[in-house]
Amino acid sequence: MIELQNVAVGYGGADLLAEMTLKLVPGSFHFLTGPSGAGKTTFLKLCYAELLPSTGFIGLFGQDVRLMGRDDIARTRQRIGVVHQDCQFLDHLPVAENIALPLTVAGRHVDIGELKELISWVGLRAQSTALPPQLSGGERQRAALARAVMTSPEVILADEPTGNLDWEMSLRLLSLLVELNKMGKTVVIATHDLNLIRQAKTQISARVLRIAGRRLHLAGADL
C-alpha cells in the first residue's frame, strides 16, 4: 500500500529524516509521535508524494514514486485522504461545496445524496450551507475530515487533527477516525497527545511510532 525503504529526506544538504523504513498495510492504524520539529509533517508528505526522498525507495500502491508522472501522482492521491494541521478552505464557498471540492477538481460526479450522508456522518448537517469562517475549530476539523474521505480513499493521513481542540471534541474526531479504520481504511495520525493515543488503544489495535534523532522507532508498550 505505502512502503518506505531506507528513506532519507533533507533540506539545505542536511538530512531531516534518515533510514526511514515502514510498510503500511490495509486496515492498519498507526500513531506517529515525536517532539515539535521532529519531522512528523515531513514524513506524512513523503507518504502522499508531496515530497520525494533524497535517497531510498517509496512505493505507493505498488508504484515507485520516482517513476510516477504528475498524472500518476494525482490519481494516486485520490486514494489517500489528507487532513492537514492547518486546514484551508475556500471561504467564499459553503461547507458542502468545500467538502465536495476533491471530486469537483478531479472532474468527477458529485452524488448529492452521498455528500449529504457524509456531512451528516461528521455532524455538520446544520452547517452545510455556512461559510468556513463561521465554523468553530472542531467543526473545521470535521469538515476537513469529510473532505479528505470524499474520494473514498484507502488511506487517511491526519496531521495533528486534534491539536487545537478541547478533549471532548478530540474524542469525537477520534471516534470518526476509528470508525473509518473499522471500515477497512488505513489510518495514520500524527499527534503529540499521548492521552489521545491511550484512549484509541482501548478501542482498536494501534501501532505507535516515534520520530527521534531523525529516525523512526517503534514506541514502547507503556503508551
C-alpha atoms as a PDB file:
ATOM      1  CA  MET A   1       0.000   0.000   0.000  1.00  0.00           C
ATOM      2  CA  ILE A   2       2.537   2.597   1.207  1.00  0.00           C
ATOM      3  CA  GLU A   3       6.081   1.393   1.711  1.00  0.00           C
ATOM      4  CA  LEU A   4       9.261   3.221   2.686  1.00  0.00           C
ATOM      5  CA  GLN A   5      12.654   1.531   2.498  1.00  0.00           C
ATOM      6  CA  ASN A   6      15.710   3.261   3.955  1.00  0.00           C
ATOM      7  CA  VAL A   7      14.301   6.674   3.036  1.00  0.00           C
ATOM      8  CA  ALA A   8      16.085   9.938   3.747  1.00  0.00           C
ATOM      9  CA  VAL A   9      14.969  13.473   3.028  1.00  0.00           C
ATOM     10  CA  GLY A  10      16.765  16.699   3.744  1.00  0.00           C
ATOM     11  CA  TYR A  11      16.901  20.419   3.314  1.00  0.00           C
ATOM     12  CA  GLY A  12      19.959  22.505   2.572  1.00  0.00           C
ATOM     13  CA  GLY A  13      22.252  19.499   2.354  1.00  0.00           C
ATOM     14  CA  ALA A  14      21.361  18.105   5.797  1.00  0.00           C
ATOM     15  CA  ASP A  15      19.057  15.148   6.416  1.00  0.00           C
ATOM     16  CA  LEU A  16      15.905  15.940   8.370  1.00  0.00           C
ATOM     17  CA  LEU A  17      14.847  12.281   8.302  1.00  0.00           C
ATOM     18  CA  ALA A  18      17.065   9.278   7.649  1.00  0.00           C
ATOM     19  CA  GLU A  19      16.855   5.473   7.449  1.00  0.00           C
ATOM     20  CA  MET A  20      13.050   5.538   7.471  1.00  0.00           C
ATOM     21  CA  THR A  21      11.566   2.100   6.850  1.00  0.00           C
ATOM     22  CA  LEU A  22       7.870   1.297   7.243  1.00  0.00           C
ATOM     23  CA  LYS A  23       5.140  -0.633   5.474  1.00  0.00           C
ATOM     24  CA  LEU A  24       1.527   0.470   5.897  1.00  0.00           C
ATOM     25  CA  VAL A  25      -0.759  -2.485   5.274  1.00  0.00           C
ATOM     26  CA  PRO A  26      -4.506  -2.326   4.549  1.00  0.00           C
ATOM     27  CA  GLY A  27      -6.624  -1.784   7.638  1.00  0.00           C
ATOM     28  CA  SER A  28      -3.766  -0.834   9.965  1.00  0.00           C
ATOM     29  CA  PHE A  29      -3.873   2.052  12.445  1.00  0.00           C
ATOM     30  CA  HIS A  30      -0.720   3.991  13.303  1.00  0.00           C
ATOM     31  CA  PHE A  31       0.053   6.915  15.552  1.00  0.00           C
ATOM     32  CA  LEU A  32       3.114   8.995  14.749  1.00  0.00           C
ATOM     33  CA  THR A  33       4.625  10.864  17.681  1.00  0.00           C
ATOM     34  CA  GLY A  34       7.667  12.997  18.313  1.00  0.00           C
ATOM     35  CA  PRO A  35       8.558  16.469  19.538  1.00  0.00           C
ATOM     36  CA  SER A  36       7.688  19.578  17.566  1.00  0.00           C
ATOM     37  CA  GLY A  37      10.054  19.902  14.631  1.00  0.00           C
ATOM     38  CA  ALA A  38      10.979  16.207  14.624  1.00  0.00           C
ATOM     39  CA  GLY A  39       9.650  15.757  11.095  1.00  0.00           C
ATOM     40  CA  LYS A  40       6.155  14.308  11.512  1.00  0.00           C
ATOM     41  CA  THR A  41       4.643  16.534   8.828  1.00  0.00           C
ATOM     42  CA  THR A  42       7.580  15.832   6.514  1.00  0.00           C
ATOM     43  CA  PHE A  43       7.066  12.100   6.998  1.00  0.00           C
ATOM     44  CA  LEU A  44       3.387  12.386   6.059  1.00  0.00           C
ATOM     45  CA  LYS A  45       4.292  14.426   2.975  1.00  0.00           C
ATOM     46  CA  LEU A  46       6.536  11.573   1.862  1.00  0.00           C
ATOM     47  CA  CYS A  47       3.600   9.200   2.249  1.00  0.00           C
ATOM     48  CA  TYR A  48       1.475  11.084  -0.288  1.00  0.00           C
ATOM     49  CA  ALA A  49       4.298  12.169  -2.612  1.00  0.00           C
ATOM     50  CA  GLU A  50       4.183  15.846  -1.711  1.00  0.00           C
ATOM     51  CA  LEU A  51       7.904  15.358  -1.099  1.00  0.00           C
ATOM     52  CA  LEU A  52      10.253  12.934  -2.821  1.00  0.00           C
ATOM     53  CA  PRO A  53      13.032  11.193  -0.911  1.00  0.00           C
ATOM     54  CA  SER A  54      16.666  12.252  -1.237  1.00  0.00           C
ATOM     55  CA  THR A  55      17.592   8.577  -1.086  1.00  0.00           C
ATOM     56  CA  GLY A  56      15.756   5.306  -0.610  1.00  0.00           C
ATOM     57  CA  PHE A  57      12.574   3.817  -2.048  1.00  0.00           C
ATOM     58  CA  ILE A  58       8.942   4.862  -1.588  1.00  0.00           C
ATOM     59  CA  GLY A  59       6.214   2.736  -3.124  1.00  0.00           C
ATOM     60  CA  LEU A  60       2.612   3.916  -3.372  1.00  0.00           C
ATOM     61  CA  PHE A  61       0.182   1.125  -4.205  1.00  0.00           C
ATOM     62  CA  GLY A  62       2.936  -0.840  -5.930  1.00  0.00           C
ATOM     63  CA  GLN A  63       4.446   2.064  -7.877  1.00  0.00           C
ATOM     64  CA  ASP A  64       7.855   3.629  -7.333  1.00  0.00           C
ATOM     65  CA  VAL A  65       7.221   7.345  -6.733  1.00  0.00           C
ATOM     66  CA  ARG A  66      10.355   8.265  -8.666  1.00  0.00           C
ATOM     67  CA  LEU A  67       8.879   6.677 -11.790  1.00  0.00           C
ATOM     68  CA  MET A  68       5.456   8.286 -11.426  1.00  0.00           C
ATOM     69  CA  GLY A  69       4.447  11.233 -13.592  1.00  0.00           C
ATOM     70  CA  ARG A  70       2.327  14.149 -12.444  1.00  0.00           C
ATOM     71  CA  ASP A  71      -0.909  12.498 -13.616  1.00  0.00           C
ATOM     72  CA  ASP A  72       0.030   9.232 -11.899  1.00  0.00           C
ATOM     73  CA  ILE A  73       0.615  11.058  -8.628  1.00  0.00           C
ATOM     74  CA  ALA A  74      -2.665  12.966  -8.956  1.00  0.00           C
ATOM     75  CA  ARG A  75      -4.594   9.725  -9.477  1.00  0.00           C
ATOM     76  CA  THR A  76      -2.809   8.060  -6.574  1.00  0.00           C
ATOM     77  CA  ARG A  77      -3.587  10.953  -4.237  1.00  0.00           C
ATOM     78  CA  GLN A  78      -7.285  10.285  -4.780  1.00  0.00           C
ATOM     79  CA  ARG A  79      -6.640   7.028  -2.921  1.00  0.00           C
ATOM     80  CA  ILE A  80      -5.093   8.920   0.029  1.00  0.00           C
ATOM     81  CA  GLY A  81      -7.119  11.353   2.138  1.00  0.00           C
ATOM     82  CA  VAL A  82      -5.108  14.005   3.986  1.00  0.00           C
ATOM     83  CA  VAL A  83      -6.282  16.068   6.951  1.00  0.00           C
ATOM     84  CA  HIS A  84      -3.808  18.918   7.267  1.00  0.00           C
ATOM     85  CA  GLN A  85      -2.853  20.521  10.554  1.00  0.00           C
ATOM     86  CA  ASP A  86      -3.873  23.932   9.242  1.00  0.00           C
ATOM     87  CA  CYS A  87      -6.959  23.008   7.220  1.00  0.00           C
ATOM     88  CA  GLN A  88      -7.612  25.533   4.471  1.00  0.00           C
ATOM     89  CA  PHE A  89     -10.961  26.166   2.820  1.00  0.00           C
ATOM     90  CA  LEU A  90     -12.291  28.452   0.129  1.00  0.00           C
ATOM     91  CA  ASP A  91     -14.039  30.986   2.327  1.00  0.00           C
ATOM     92  CA  HIS A  92     -16.483  32.125  -0.365  1.00  0.00           C
ATOM     93  CA  LEU A  93     -17.920  28.624  -0.813  1.00  0.00           C
ATOM     94  CA  PRO A  94     -20.307  26.952   1.645  1.00  0.00           C
ATOM     95  CA  VAL A  95     -19.119  23.991   3.675  1.00  0.00           C
ATOM     96  CA  ALA A  96     -20.849  21.415   1.442  1.00  0.00           C
ATOM     97  CA  GLU A  97     -19.080  22.699  -1.675  1.00  0.00           C
ATOM     98  CA  ASN A  98     -15.729  22.783   0.120  1.00  0.00           C
ATOM     99  CA  ILE A  99     -16.174  19.159   1.155  1.00  0.00           C
ATOM    100  CA  ALA A 100     -17.033  18.182  -2.434  1.00  0.00           C
ATOM    101  CA  LEU A 101     -14.014  20.008  -3.903  1.00  0.00           C
ATOM    102  CA  PRO A 102     -11.766  16.929  -4.334  1.00  0.00           C
ATOM    103  CA  LEU A 103     -14.333  15.426  -6.717  1.00  0.00           C
ATOM    104  CA  THR A 104     -15.115  18.751  -8.385  1.00  0.00           C
ATOM    105  CA  VAL A 105     -11.451  19.490  -9.096  1.00  0.00           C
ATOM    106  CA  ALA A 106     -10.943  15.970 -10.442  1.00  0.00           C
ATOM    107  CA  GLY A 107     -13.907  16.417 -12.789  1.00  0.00           C
ATOM    108  CA  ARG A 108     -15.794  13.589 -11.105  1.00  0.00           C
ATOM    109  CA  HIS A 109     -19.537  13.433 -10.474  1.00  0.00           C
ATOM    110  CA  VAL A 110     -20.700  14.563  -7.052  1.00  0.00           C
ATOM    111  CA  ASP A 111     -23.533  12.403  -5.767  1.00  0.00           C
ATOM    112  CA  ILE A 112     -25.624  14.835  -3.704  1.00  0.00           C
ATOM    113  CA  GLY A 113     -27.122  12.025  -1.639  1.00  0.00           C
ATOM    114  CA  GLU A 114     -23.701  10.670  -0.709  1.00  0.00           C
ATOM    115  CA  LEU A 115     -22.452  14.184   0.035  1.00  0.00           C
ATOM    116  CA  LYS A 116     -25.352  14.818   2.416  1.00  0.00           C
ATOM    117  CA  GLU A 117     -24.765  11.452   4.080  1.00  0.00           C
ATOM    118  CA  LEU A 118     -21.094  12.268   4.591  1.00  0.00           C
ATOM    119  CA  ILE A 119     -21.898  15.707   6.019  1.00  0.00           C
ATOM    120  CA  SER A 120     -24.357  14.114   8.436  1.00  0.00           C
ATOM    121  CA  TRP A 121     -21.765  11.488   9.402  1.00  0.00           C
ATOM    122  CA  VAL A 122     -19.367  14.184  10.632  1.00  0.00           C
ATOM    123  CA  GLY A 123     -22.227  16.009  12.369  1.00  0.00           C
ATOM    124  CA  LEU A 124     -22.319  19.103  10.170  1.00  0.00           C
ATOM    125  CA  ARG A 125     -25.779  18.914   8.635  1.00  0.00           C
ATOM    126  CA  ALA A 126     -26.788  22.230  10.221  1.00  0.00           C
ATOM    127  CA  GLN A 127     -23.578  23.885   8.964  1.00  0.00           C
ATOM    128  CA  SER A 128     -23.655  22.597   5.369  1.00  0.00           C
ATOM    129  CA  THR A 129     -24.666  25.988   3.927  1.00  0.00           C
ATOM    130  CA  ALA A 130     -22.444  28.022   6.269  1.00  0.00           C
ATOM    131  CA  LEU A 131     -19.225  29.628   5.109  1.00  0.00           C
ATOM    132  CA  PRO A 132     -15.935  28.316   6.582  1.00  0.00           C
ATOM    133  CA  PRO A 133     -15.228  31.456   8.689  1.00  0.00           C
ATOM    134  CA  GLN A 134     -18.462  30.729  10.568  1.00  0.00           C
ATOM    135  CA  LEU A 135     -17.246  27.328  11.773  1.00  0.00           C
ATOM    136  CA  SER A 136     -15.705  26.570  15.151  1.00  0.00           C
ATOM    137  CA  GLY A 137     -12.336  24.827  15.350  1.00  0.00           C
ATOM    138  CA  GLY A 138     -13.919  21.433  15.882  1.00  0.00           C
ATOM    139  CA  GLU A 139     -16.342  21.951  13.025  1.00  0.00           C
ATOM    140  CA  ARG A 140     -13.484  22.923  10.709  1.00  0.00           C
ATOM    141  CA  GLN A 141     -11.587  19.739  11.586  1.00  0.00           C
ATOM    142  CA  ARG A 142     -14.650  17.578  10.975  1.00  0.00           C
ATOM    143  CA  ALA A 143     -15.212  19.346   7.658  1.00  0.00           C
ATOM    144  CA  ALA A 144     -11.570  18.699   6.796  1.00  0.00           C
ATOM    145  CA  LEU A 145     -12.018  15.011   7.593  1.00  0.00           C
ATOM    146  CA  ALA A 146     -15.157  14.837   5.437  1.00  0.00           C
ATOM    147  CA  ARG A 147     -13.286  16.472   2.571  1.00  0.00           C
ATOM    148  CA  ALA A 148     -10.417  14.010   2.994  1.00  0.00           C
ATOM    149  CA  VAL A 149     -12.720  10.997   2.669  1.00  0.00           C
ATOM    150  CA  MET A 150     -14.854  12.445  -0.143  1.00  0.00           C
ATOM    151  CA  THR A 151     -12.999  10.379  -2.753  1.00  0.00           C
ATOM    152  CA  SER A 152     -13.422   7.146  -0.713  1.00  0.00           C
ATOM    153  CA  PRO A 153      -9.660   6.822  -0.121  1.00  0.00           C
ATOM    154  CA  GLU A 154      -7.992   3.700   1.145  1.00  0.00           C
ATOM    155  CA  VAL A 155      -5.600   5.591   3.409  1.00  0.00           C
ATOM    156  CA  ILE A 156      -6.268   8.513   5.781  1.00  0.00           C
ATOM    157  CA  LEU A 157      -3.306  10.644   6.904  1.00  0.00           C
ATOM    158  CA  ALA A 158      -4.115  13.159   9.649  1.00  0.00           C
ATOM    159  CA  ASP A 159      -1.555  15.728  10.800  1.00  0.00           C
ATOM    160  CA  GLU A 160      -2.253  16.836  14.405  1.00  0.00           C
ATOM    161  CA  PRO A 161      -6.029  16.803  13.747  1.00  0.00           C
ATOM    162  CA  THR A 162      -6.865  17.471  17.404  1.00  0.00           C
ATOM    163  CA  GLY A 163      -4.061  19.928  18.144  1.00  0.00           C
ATOM    164  CA  ASN A 164      -6.359  22.917  18.668  1.00  0.00           C
ATOM    165  CA  LEU A 165      -9.397  21.096  20.030  1.00  0.00           C
ATOM    166  CA  ASP A 166     -10.672  20.515  23.543  1.00  0.00           C
ATOM    167  CA  TRP A 167     -10.770  16.974  24.892  1.00  0.00           C
ATOM    168  CA  GLU A 168     -14.442  16.345  24.150  1.00  0.00           C
ATOM    169  CA  MET A 169     -14.071  17.417  20.519  1.00  0.00           C
ATOM    170  CA  SER A 170     -10.812  15.473  20.224  1.00  0.00           C
ATOM    171  CA  LEU A 171     -12.612  12.306  21.265  1.00  0.00           C
ATOM    172  CA  ARG A 172     -15.386  12.987  18.771  1.00  0.00           C
ATOM    173  CA  LEU A 173     -12.894  13.333  15.935  1.00  0.00           C
ATOM    174  CA  LEU A 174     -11.004  10.256  17.124  1.00  0.00           C
ATOM    175  CA  SER A 175     -14.232   8.226  17.084  1.00  0.00           C
ATOM    176  CA  LEU A 176     -14.738   9.138  13.416  1.00  0.00           C
ATOM    177  CA  LEU A 177     -11.192   8.039  12.557  1.00  0.00           C
ATOM    178  CA  VAL A 178     -11.630   4.790  14.494  1.00  0.00           C
ATOM    179  CA  GLU A 179     -14.878   4.153  12.640  1.00  0.00           C
ATOM    180  CA  LEU A 180     -13.078   4.669   9.312  1.00  0.00           C
ATOM    181  CA  ASN A 181     -10.448   2.163  10.382  1.00  0.00           C
ATOM    182  CA  LYS A 182     -13.116  -0.380  11.309  1.00  0.00           C
ATOM    183  CA  MET A 183     -14.467   0.089   7.785  1.00  0.00           C
ATOM    184  CA  GLY A 184     -11.096  -1.135   6.490  1.00  0.00           C
ATOM    185  CA  LYS A 185      -9.282   2.177   5.966  1.00  0.00           C
ATOM    186  CA  THR A 186      -5.624   2.509   6.853  1.00  0.00           C
ATOM    187  CA  VAL A 187      -5.194   5.407   9.280  1.00  0.00           C
ATOM    188  CA  VAL A 188      -2.084   7.333  10.309  1.00  0.00           C
ATOM    189  CA  ILE A 189      -2.410  10.112  12.882  1.00  0.00           C
ATOM    190  CA  ALA A 190       0.488  12.407  13.738  1.00  0.00           C
ATOM    191  CA  THR A 191      -0.029  13.682  17.269  1.00  0.00           C
ATOM    192  CA  HIS A 192       1.778  14.769  20.413  1.00  0.00           C
ATOM    193  CA  ASP A 193      -1.234  13.904  22.594  1.00  0.00           C
ATOM    194  CA  LEU A 194      -0.407  10.694  24.468  1.00  0.00           C
ATOM    195  CA  ASN A 195      -3.820  10.688  26.177  1.00  0.00           C
ATOM    196  CA  LEU A 196      -5.453  10.509  22.760  1.00  0.00           C
ATOM    197  CA  ILE A 197      -3.277   7.521  21.886  1.00  0.00           C
ATOM    198  CA  ARG A 198      -4.142   5.763  25.137  1.00  0.00           C
ATOM    199  CA  GLN A 199      -7.839   6.355  24.508  1.00  0.00           C
ATOM    200  CA  ALA A 200      -7.599   4.953  20.982  1.00  0.00           C
ATOM    201  CA  LYS A 201      -5.782   1.840  22.168  1.00  0.00           C
ATOM    202  CA  THR A 202      -8.798   0.948  24.327  1.00  0.00           C
ATOM    203  CA  GLN A 203     -10.865   0.725  21.143  1.00  0.00           C
ATOM    204  CA  ILE A 204      -8.554  -0.620  18.456  1.00  0.00           C
ATOM    205  CA  SER A 205      -5.188  -2.219  17.877  1.00  0.00           C
ATOM    206  CA  ALA A 206      -2.901   0.721  17.111  1.00  0.00           C
ATOM    207  CA  ARG A 207       0.820   0.745  16.444  1.00  0.00           C
ATOM    208  CA  VAL A 208       2.690   3.724  17.873  1.00  0.00           C
ATOM    209  CA  LEU A 209       5.700   5.101  16.035  1.00  0.00           C
ATOM    210  CA  ARG A 210       8.031   7.819  17.228  1.00  0.00           C
ATOM    211  CA  ILE A 211      10.416  10.044  15.302  1.00  0.00           C
ATOM    212  CA  ALA A 212      13.514  10.782  17.327  1.00  0.00           C
ATOM    213  CA  GLY A 213      17.043  11.569  16.221  1.00  0.00           C
ATOM    214  CA  ARG A 214      15.843  11.813  12.593  1.00  0.00           C
ATOM    215  CA  ARG A 215      14.809   8.160  12.645  1.00  0.00           C
ATOM    216  CA  LEU A 216      11.591   6.182  13.031  1.00  0.00           C
ATOM    217  CA  HIS A 217      11.224   3.970  16.109  1.00  0.00           C
ATOM    218  CA  LEU A 218       8.548   1.668  17.492  1.00  0.00           C
ATOM    219  CA  ALA A 219       7.317   3.304  20.701  1.00  0.00           C
ATOM    220  CA  GLY A 220       7.211   1.401  23.946  1.00  0.00           C
ATOM    221  CA  ALA A 221       4.208  -0.563  25.136  1.00  0.00           C
ATOM    222  CA  ASP A 222       3.740   1.841  28.079  1.00  0.00           C
ATOM    223  CA  LEU A 223       1.832   4.151  25.734  1.00  0.00           C
END
